[in-house]
Amino acid sequence: MDIQADIKWIQNELSNVNDPDLIEAFKRLLQFRKKTETFTLEQYNLELKEAENRIEQDNYLTQEQVEKRLRGS
């Protein structure tokens, strides 16, 4: 596995992404990676409330929608 080649490929692919939802998903994934402390109950409840708010505002993607976007169709 050539990590540097993978990083370059990912950077190249990201430079062509114009979908703000997909960018947000990548951003959240990378932010999650940086978390080293465990969640407190308060943090968990806050993130749960934020997710519920996004759902209420129809601001979410289904798994099928994400898979379709990743396939480019």
PDB file of N, CA and C in Angstrom:
ATOM      1  N   MET A   1       0.850  -1.181   0.000  1.00  0.00           N
ATOM      2  CA  MET A   1       0.000   0.000   0.000  1.00  0.00           C
ATOM      3  C   MET A   1       0.896   1.244   0.000  1.00  0.00           C
ATOM      4  N   ASP A   2       0.711   2.089  -0.985  1.00  0.00           N
ATOM      5  CA  ASP A   2       1.469   3.331  -1.089  1.00  0.00           C
ATOM      6  C   ASP A   2       0.594   4.473  -0.568  1.00  0.00           C
ATOM      7  N   ILE A   3       0.819   4.851   0.680  1.00  0.00           N
ATOM      8  CA  ILE A   3      -0.027   5.863   1.326  1.00  0.00           C
ATOM      9  C   ILE A   3       0.081   7.205   0.617  1.00  0.00           C
ATOM     10  N   GLN A   4       1.271   7.582   0.208  1.00  0.00           N
ATOM     11  CA  GLN A   4       1.432   8.872  -0.464  1.00  0.00           C
ATOM     12  C   GLN A   4       0.667   8.909  -1.786  1.00  0.00           C
ATOM     13  N   ALA A   5       0.665   7.812  -2.507  1.00  0.00           N
ATOM     14  CA  ALA A   5      -0.095   7.745  -3.760  1.00  0.00           C
ATOM     15  C   ALA A   5      -1.588   7.835  -3.472  1.00  0.00           C
ATOM     16  N   ASP A   6      -2.032   7.175  -2.400  1.00  0.00           N
ATOM     17  CA  ASP A   6      -3.439   7.249  -2.017  1.00  0.00           C
ATOM     18  C   ASP A   6      -3.824   8.675  -1.637  1.00  0.00           C
ATOM     19  N   ILE A   7      -2.972   9.349  -0.895  1.00  0.00           N
ATOM     20  CA  ILE A   7      -3.245  10.731  -0.492  1.00  0.00           C
ATOM     21  C   ILE A   7      -3.347  11.632  -1.717  1.00  0.00           C
ATOM     22  N   LYS A   8      -2.443  11.475  -2.655  1.00  0.00           N
ATOM     23  CA  LYS A   8      -2.486  12.287  -3.871  1.00  0.00           C
ATOM     24  C   LYS A   8      -3.766  12.015  -4.659  1.00  0.00           C
ATOM     25  N   TRP A   9      -4.173  10.737  -4.734  1.00  0.00           N
ATOM     26  CA  TRP A   9      -5.394  10.392  -5.445  1.00  0.00           C
ATOM     27  C   TRP A   9      -6.596  11.034  -4.773  1.00  0.00           C
ATOM     28  N   ILE A  10      -6.657  10.944  -3.440  1.00  0.00           N
ATOM     29  CA  ILE A  10      -7.766  11.538  -2.684  1.00  0.00           C
ATOM     30  C   ILE A  10      -7.800  13.048  -2.894  1.00  0.00           C
ATOM     31  N   GLN A  11      -6.649  13.706  -2.826  1.00  0.00           N
ATOM     32  CA  GLN A  11      -6.598  15.150  -3.041  1.00  0.00           C
ATOM     33  C   GLN A  11      -7.100  15.511  -4.433  1.00  0.00           C
ATOM     34  N   ASN A  12      -6.691  14.745  -5.412  1.00  0.00           N
ATOM     35  CA  ASN A  12      -7.129  15.002  -6.787  1.00  0.00           C
ATOM     36  C   ASN A  12      -8.637  14.839  -6.920  1.00  0.00           C
ATOM     37  N   GLU A  13      -9.172  13.767  -6.347  1.00  0.00           N
ATOM     38  CA  GLU A  13     -10.613  13.534  -6.408  1.00  0.00           C
ATOM     39  C   GLU A  13     -11.376  14.636  -5.679  1.00  0.00           C
ATOM     40  N   LEU A  14     -10.901  15.053  -4.510  1.00  0.00           N
ATOM     41  CA  LEU A  14     -11.578  16.093  -3.739  1.00  0.00           C
ATOM     42  C   LEU A  14     -11.590  17.428  -4.477  1.00  0.00           C
ATOM     43  N   SER A  15     -10.564  17.688  -5.257  1.00  0.00           N
ATOM     44  CA  SER A  15     -10.518  18.959  -5.979  1.00  0.00           C
ATOM     45  C   SER A  15     -11.617  19.045  -7.032  1.00  0.00           C
ATOM     46  N   ASN A  16     -12.205  17.902  -7.386  1.00  0.00           N
ATOM     47  CA  ASN A  16     -13.264  17.876  -8.392  1.00  0.00           C
ATOM     48  C   ASN A  16     -14.661  17.765  -7.799  1.00  0.00           C
ATOM     49  N   VAL A  17     -14.766  17.731  -6.477  1.00  0.00           N
ATOM     50  CA  VAL A  17     -16.065  17.581  -5.823  1.00  0.00           C
ATOM     51  C   VAL A  17     -16.702  18.956  -5.649  1.00  0.00           C
ATOM     52  N   ASN A  18     -17.941  19.091  -6.122  1.00  0.00           N
ATOM     53  CA  ASN A  18     -18.666  20.354  -5.997  1.00  0.00           C
ATOM     54  C   ASN A  18     -19.931  20.213  -5.159  1.00  0.00           C
ATOM     55  N   ASP A  19     -20.154  19.037  -4.612  1.00  0.00           N
ATOM     56  CA  ASP A  19     -21.356  18.761  -3.829  1.00  0.00           C
ATOM     57  C   ASP A  19     -21.115  19.146  -2.374  1.00  0.00           C
ATOM     58  N   PRO A  20     -21.796  20.186  -1.864  1.00  0.00           N
ATOM     59  CA  PRO A  20     -21.559  20.622  -0.486  1.00  0.00           C
ATOM     60  C   PRO A  20     -21.906  19.558   0.550  1.00  0.00           C
ATOM     61  N   ASP A  21     -22.877  18.697   0.261  1.00  0.00           N
ATOM     62  CA  ASP A  21     -23.219  17.636   1.210  1.00  0.00           C
ATOM     63  C   ASP A  21     -22.102  16.609   1.317  1.00  0.00           C
ATOM     64  N   LEU A  22     -21.511  16.289   0.196  1.00  0.00           N
ATOM     65  CA  LEU A  22     -20.409  15.333   0.202  1.00  0.00           C
ATOM     66  C   LEU A  22     -19.185  15.927   0.899  1.00  0.00           C
ATOM     67  N   ILE A  23     -18.907  17.194   0.653  1.00  0.00           N
ATOM     68  CA  ILE A  23     -17.799  17.870   1.331  1.00  0.00           C
ATOM     69  C   ILE A  23     -18.033  17.861   2.841  1.00  0.00           C
ATOM     70  N   GLU A  24     -19.261  18.134   3.260  1.00  0.00           N
ATOM     71  CA  GLU A  24     -19.594  18.130   4.684  1.00  0.00           C
ATOM     72  C   GLU A  24     -19.380  16.738   5.276  1.00  0.00           C
ATOM     73  N   ALA A  25     -19.742  15.702   4.534  1.00  0.00           N
ATOM     74  CA  ALA A  25     -19.543  14.328   5.019  1.00  0.00           C
ATOM     75  C   ALA A  25     -18.053  14.030   5.210  1.00  0.00           C
ATOM     76  N   PHE A  26     -17.239  14.430   4.251  1.00  0.00           N
ATOM     77  CA  PHE A  26     -15.789  14.235   4.381  1.00  0.00           C
ATOM     78  C   PHE A  26     -15.245  15.032   5.564  1.00  0.00           C
ATOM     79  N   LYS A  27     -15.723  16.251   5.700  1.00  0.00           N
ATOM     80  CA  LYS A  27     -15.272  17.109   6.798  1.00  0.00           C
ATOM     81  C   LYS A  27     -15.577  16.464   8.143  1.00  0.00           C
ATOM     82  N   ARG A  28     -16.790  15.963   8.300  1.00  0.00           N
ATOM     83  CA  ARG A  28     -17.180  15.311   9.553  1.00  0.00           C
ATOM     84  C   ARG A  28     -16.353  14.056   9.805  1.00  0.00           C
ATOM     85  N   LEU A  29     -16.075  13.298   8.760  1.00  0.00           N
ATOM     86  CA  LEU A  29     -15.265  12.099   8.894  1.00  0.00           C
ATOM     87  C   LEU A  29     -13.868  12.452   9.403  1.00  0.00           C
ATOM     88  N   LEU A  30     -13.270  13.485   8.819  1.00  0.00           N
ATOM     89  CA  LEU A  30     -11.933  13.885   9.233  1.00  0.00           C
ATOM     90  C   LEU A  30     -11.930  14.478  10.641  1.00  0.00           C
ATOM     91  N   GLN A  31     -12.968  15.212  10.994  1.00  0.00           N
ATOM     92  CA  GLN A  31     -13.055  15.752  12.344  1.00  0.00           C
ATOM     93  C   GLN A  31     -13.219  14.627  13.364  1.00  0.00           C
ATOM     94  N   PHE A  32     -14.013  13.634  13.034  1.00  0.00           N
ATOM     95  CA  PHE A  32     -14.220  12.504  13.928  1.00  0.00           C
ATOM     96  C   PHE A  32     -12.907  11.779  14.186  1.00  0.00           C
ATOM     97  N   ARG A  33     -12.090  11.668  13.153  1.00  0.00           N
ATOM     98  CA  ARG A  33     -10.797  10.993  13.268  1.00  0.00           C
ATOM     99  C   ARG A  33      -9.911  11.664  14.304  1.00  0.00           C
ATOM    100  N   LYS A  34     -10.028  12.970  14.443  1.00  0.00           N
ATOM    101  CA  LYS A  34      -9.175  13.724  15.353  1.00  0.00           C
ATOM    102  C   LYS A  34      -9.603  13.622  16.815  1.00  0.00           C
ATOM    103  N   LYS A  35     -10.825  13.179  17.055  1.00  0.00           N
ATOM    104  CA  LYS A  35     -11.318  13.104  18.423  1.00  0.00           C
ATOM    105  C   LYS A  35     -10.584  11.990  19.159  1.00  0.00           C
ATOM    106  N   THR A  36      -9.950  12.348  20.248  1.00  0.00           N
ATOM    107  CA  THR A  36      -9.223  11.348  21.023  1.00  0.00           C
ATOM    108  C   THR A  36      -9.909  11.072  22.354  1.00  0.00           C
ATOM    109  N   GLU A  37     -10.691  12.020  22.841  1.00  0.00           N
ATOM    110  CA  GLU A  37     -11.366  11.798  24.104  1.00  0.00           C
ATOM    111  C   GLU A  37     -12.686  11.078  23.878  1.00  0.00           C
ATOM    112  N   THR A  38     -13.161  10.459  24.909  1.00  0.00           N
ATOM    113  CA  THR A  38     -14.431   9.766  24.796  1.00  0.00           C
ATOM    114  C   THR A  38     -15.556  10.776  24.940  1.00  0.00           C
ATOM    115  N   PHE A  39     -16.690  10.419  24.388  1.00  0.00           N
ATOM    116  CA  PHE A  39     -17.858  11.286  24.478  1.00  0.00           C
ATOM    117  C   PHE A  39     -18.396  11.312  25.903  1.00  0.00           C
ATOM    118  N   THR A  40     -18.771  12.493  26.320  1.00  0.00           N
ATOM    119  CA  THR A  40     -19.529  12.586  27.559  1.00  0.00           C
ATOM    120  C   THR A  40     -20.994  12.438  27.185  1.00  0.00           C
ATOM    121  N   LEU A  41     -21.810  12.176  28.171  1.00  0.00           N
ATOM    122  CA  LEU A  41     -23.241  12.068  27.923  1.00  0.00           C
ATOM    123  C   LEU A  41     -23.771  13.378  27.357  1.00  0.00           C
ATOM    124  N   GLU A  42     -23.253  14.502  27.847  1.00  0.00           N
ATOM    125  CA  GLU A  42     -23.677  15.819  27.358  1.00  0.00           C
ATOM    126  C   GLU A  42     -23.319  15.990  25.883  1.00  0.00           C
ATOM    127  N   GLN A  43     -22.101  15.592  25.491  1.00  0.00           N
ATOM    128  CA  GLN A  43     -21.690  15.688  24.088  1.00  0.00           C
ATOM    129  C   GLN A  43     -22.570  14.805  23.208  1.00  0.00           C
ATOM    130  N   TYR A  44     -22.831  13.596  23.679  1.00  0.00           N
ATOM    131  CA  TYR A  44     -23.669  12.668  22.929  1.00  0.00           C
ATOM    132  C   TYR A  44     -25.056  13.260  22.705  1.00  0.00           C
ATOM    133  N   ASN A  45     -25.645  13.772  23.774  1.00  0.00           N
ATOM    134  CA  ASN A  45     -26.993  14.340  23.668  1.00  0.00           C
ATOM    135  C   ASN A  45     -27.019  15.555  22.753  1.00  0.00           C
ATOM    136  N   LEU A  46     -25.978  16.379  22.785  1.00  0.00           N
ATOM    137  CA  LEU A  46     -25.895  17.545  21.911  1.00  0.00           C
ATOM    138  C   LEU A  46     -25.840  17.109  20.445  1.00  0.00           C
ATOM    139  N   GLU A  47     -24.989  16.132  20.126  1.00  0.00           N
ATOM    140  CA  GLU A  47     -24.891  15.668  18.745  1.00  0.00           C
ATOM    141  C   GLU A  47     -26.188  15.003  18.300  1.00  0.00           C
ATOM    142  N   LEU A  48     -26.841  14.300  19.198  1.00  0.00           N
ATOM    143  CA  LEU A  48     -28.122  13.688  18.879  1.00  0.00           C
ATOM    144  C   LEU A  48     -29.168  14.751  18.559  1.00  0.00           C
ATOM    145  N   LYS A  49     -29.213  15.818  19.356  1.00  0.00           N
ATOM    146  CA  LYS A  49     -30.159  16.912  19.126  1.00  0.00           C
ATOM    147  C   LYS A  49     -29.865  17.596  17.786  1.00  0.00           C
ATOM    148  N   GLU A  50     -28.584  17.820  17.474  1.00  0.00           N
ATOM    149  CA  GLU A  50     -28.211  18.440  16.199  1.00  0.00           C
ATOM    150  C   GLU A  50     -28.655  17.558  15.029  1.00  0.00           C
ATOM    151  N   ALA A  51     -28.486  16.253  15.164  1.00  0.00           N
ATOM    152  CA  ALA A  51     -28.907  15.335  14.103  1.00  0.00           C
ATOM    153  C   ALA A  51     -30.429  15.364  13.942  1.00  0.00           C
ATOM    154  N   GLU A  52     -31.140  15.389  15.063  1.00  0.00           N
ATOM    155  CA  GLU A  52     -32.604  15.461  14.998  1.00  0.00           C
ATOM    156  C   GLU A  52     -33.045  16.747  14.311  1.00  0.00           C
ATOM    157  N   ASN A  53     -32.370  17.847  14.606  1.00  0.00           N
ATOM    158  CA  ASN A  53     -32.705  19.128  13.964  1.00  0.00           C
ATOM    159  C   ASN A  53     -32.485  19.060  12.457  1.00  0.00           C
ATOM    160  N   ARG A  54     -31.376  18.433  12.034  1.00  0.00           N
ATOM    161  CA  ARG A  54     -31.115  18.296  10.595  1.00  0.00           C
ATOM    162  C   ARG A  54     -32.199  17.453   9.931  1.00  0.00           C
ATOM    163  N   ILE A  55     -32.633  16.407  10.615  1.00  0.00           N
ATOM    164  CA  ILE A  55     -33.691  15.551  10.059  1.00  0.00           C
ATOM    165  C   ILE A  55     -34.994  16.330   9.947  1.00  0.00           C
ATOM    166  N   GLU A  56     -35.343  17.082  10.983  1.00  0.00           N
ATOM    167  CA  GLU A  56     -36.575  17.873  10.957  1.00  0.00           C
ATOM    168  C   GLU A  56     -36.572  18.893   9.829  1.00  0.00           C
ATOM    169  N   GLN A  57     -35.394  19.396   9.468  1.00  0.00           N
ATOM    170  CA  GLN A  57     -35.267  20.401   8.414  1.00  0.00           C
ATOM    171  C   GLN A  57     -35.024  19.746   7.046  1.00  0.00           C
ATOM    172  N   ASP A  58     -35.165  18.436   6.983  1.00  0.00           N
ATOM    173  CA  ASP A  58     -34.888  17.684   5.749  1.00  0.00           C
ATOM    174  C   ASP A  58     -33.482  17.948   5.226  1.00  0.00           C
ATOM    175  N   ASN A  59     -32.535  18.092   6.124  1.00  0.00           N
ATOM    176  CA  ASN A  59     -31.146  18.369   5.777  1.00  0.00           C
ATOM    177  C   ASN A  59     -30.307  17.119   6.060  1.00  0.00           C
ATOM    178  N   TYR A  60     -30.531  16.089   5.251  1.00  0.00           N
ATOM    179  CA  TYR A  60     -29.804  14.840   5.427  1.00  0.00           C
ATOM    180  C   TYR A  60     -29.810  14.074   4.109  1.00  0.00           C
ATOM    181  N   LEU A  61     -28.959  13.070   4.029  1.00  0.00           N
ATOM    182  CA  LEU A  61     -28.923  12.189   2.872  1.00  0.00           C
ATOM    183  C   LEU A  61     -29.157  10.760   3.359  1.00  0.00           C
ATOM    184  N   THR A  62     -29.887   9.996   2.587  1.00  0.00           N
ATOM    185  CA  THR A  62     -30.054   8.591   2.903  1.00  0.00           C
ATOM    186  C   THR A  62     -28.799   7.844   2.471  1.00  0.00           C
ATOM    187  N   GLN A  63     -28.649   6.633   2.946  1.00  0.00           N
ATOM    188  CA  GLN A  63     -27.502   5.824   2.539  1.00  0.00           C
ATOM    189  C   GLN A  63     -27.531   5.597   1.036  1.00  0.00           C
ATOM    190  N   GLU A  64     -28.703   5.375   0.486  1.00  0.00           N
ATOM    191  CA  GLU A  64     -28.827   5.157  -0.946  1.00  0.00           C
ATOM    192  C   GLU A  64     -28.369   6.391  -1.730  1.00  0.00           C
ATOM    193  N   GLN A  65     -28.723   7.591  -1.243  1.00  0.00           N
ATOM    194  CA  GLN A  65     -28.311   8.824  -1.925  1.00  0.00           C
ATOM    195  C   GLN A  65     -26.791   8.985  -1.888  1.00  0.00           C
ATOM    196  N   VAL A  66     -26.190   8.677  -0.755  1.00  0.00           N
ATOM    197  CA  VAL A  66     -24.730   8.782  -0.632  1.00  0.00           C
ATOM    198  C   VAL A  66     -24.057   7.784  -1.573  1.00  0.00           C
ATOM    199  N   GLU A  67     -24.547   6.559  -1.589  1.00  0.00           N
ATOM    200  CA  GLU A  67     -23.969   5.549  -2.467  1.00  0.00           C
ATOM    201  C   GLU A  67     -24.111   5.962  -3.927  1.00  0.00           C
ATOM    202  N   LYS A  68     -25.250   6.518  -4.297  1.00  0.00           N
ATOM    203  CA  LYS A  68     -25.471   6.959  -5.682  1.00  0.00           C
ATOM    204  C   LYS A  68     -24.485   8.068  -6.039  1.00  0.00           C
ATOM    205  N   ARG A  69     -24.270   9.008  -5.133  1.00  0.00           N
ATOM    206  CA  ARG A  69     -23.330  10.103  -5.410  1.00  0.00           C
ATOM    207  C   ARG A  69     -21.907   9.579  -5.520  1.00  0.00           C
ATOM    208  N   LEU A  70     -21.561   8.613  -4.681  1.00  0.00           N
ATOM    209  CA  LEU A  70     -20.212   8.067  -4.737  1.00  0.00           C
ATOM    210  C   LEU A  70     -19.966   7.317  -6.041  1.00  0.00           C
ATOM    211  N   ARG A  71     -21.021   6.705  -6.590  1.00  0.00           N
ATOM    212  CA  ARG A  71     -20.906   6.018  -7.869  1.00  0.00           C
ATOM    213  C   ARG A  71     -20.885   6.997  -9.035  1.00  0.00           C
ATOM    214  N   GLY A  72     -21.270   8.253  -8.755  1.00  0.00           N
ATOM    215  CA  GLY A  72     -21.281   9.264  -9.803  1.00  0.00           C
ATOM    216  C   GLY A  72     -22.495   9.192 -10.700  1.00  0.00           C
ATOM    217  N   SER A  73     -23.563   8.577 -10.204  1.00  0.00           N
ATOM    218  CA  SER A  73     -24.768   8.473 -11.050  1.00  0.00           C
ATOM    219  C   SER A  73     -25.909   9.264 -10.462  1.00  0.00           C
TER     220      SER A  73
END
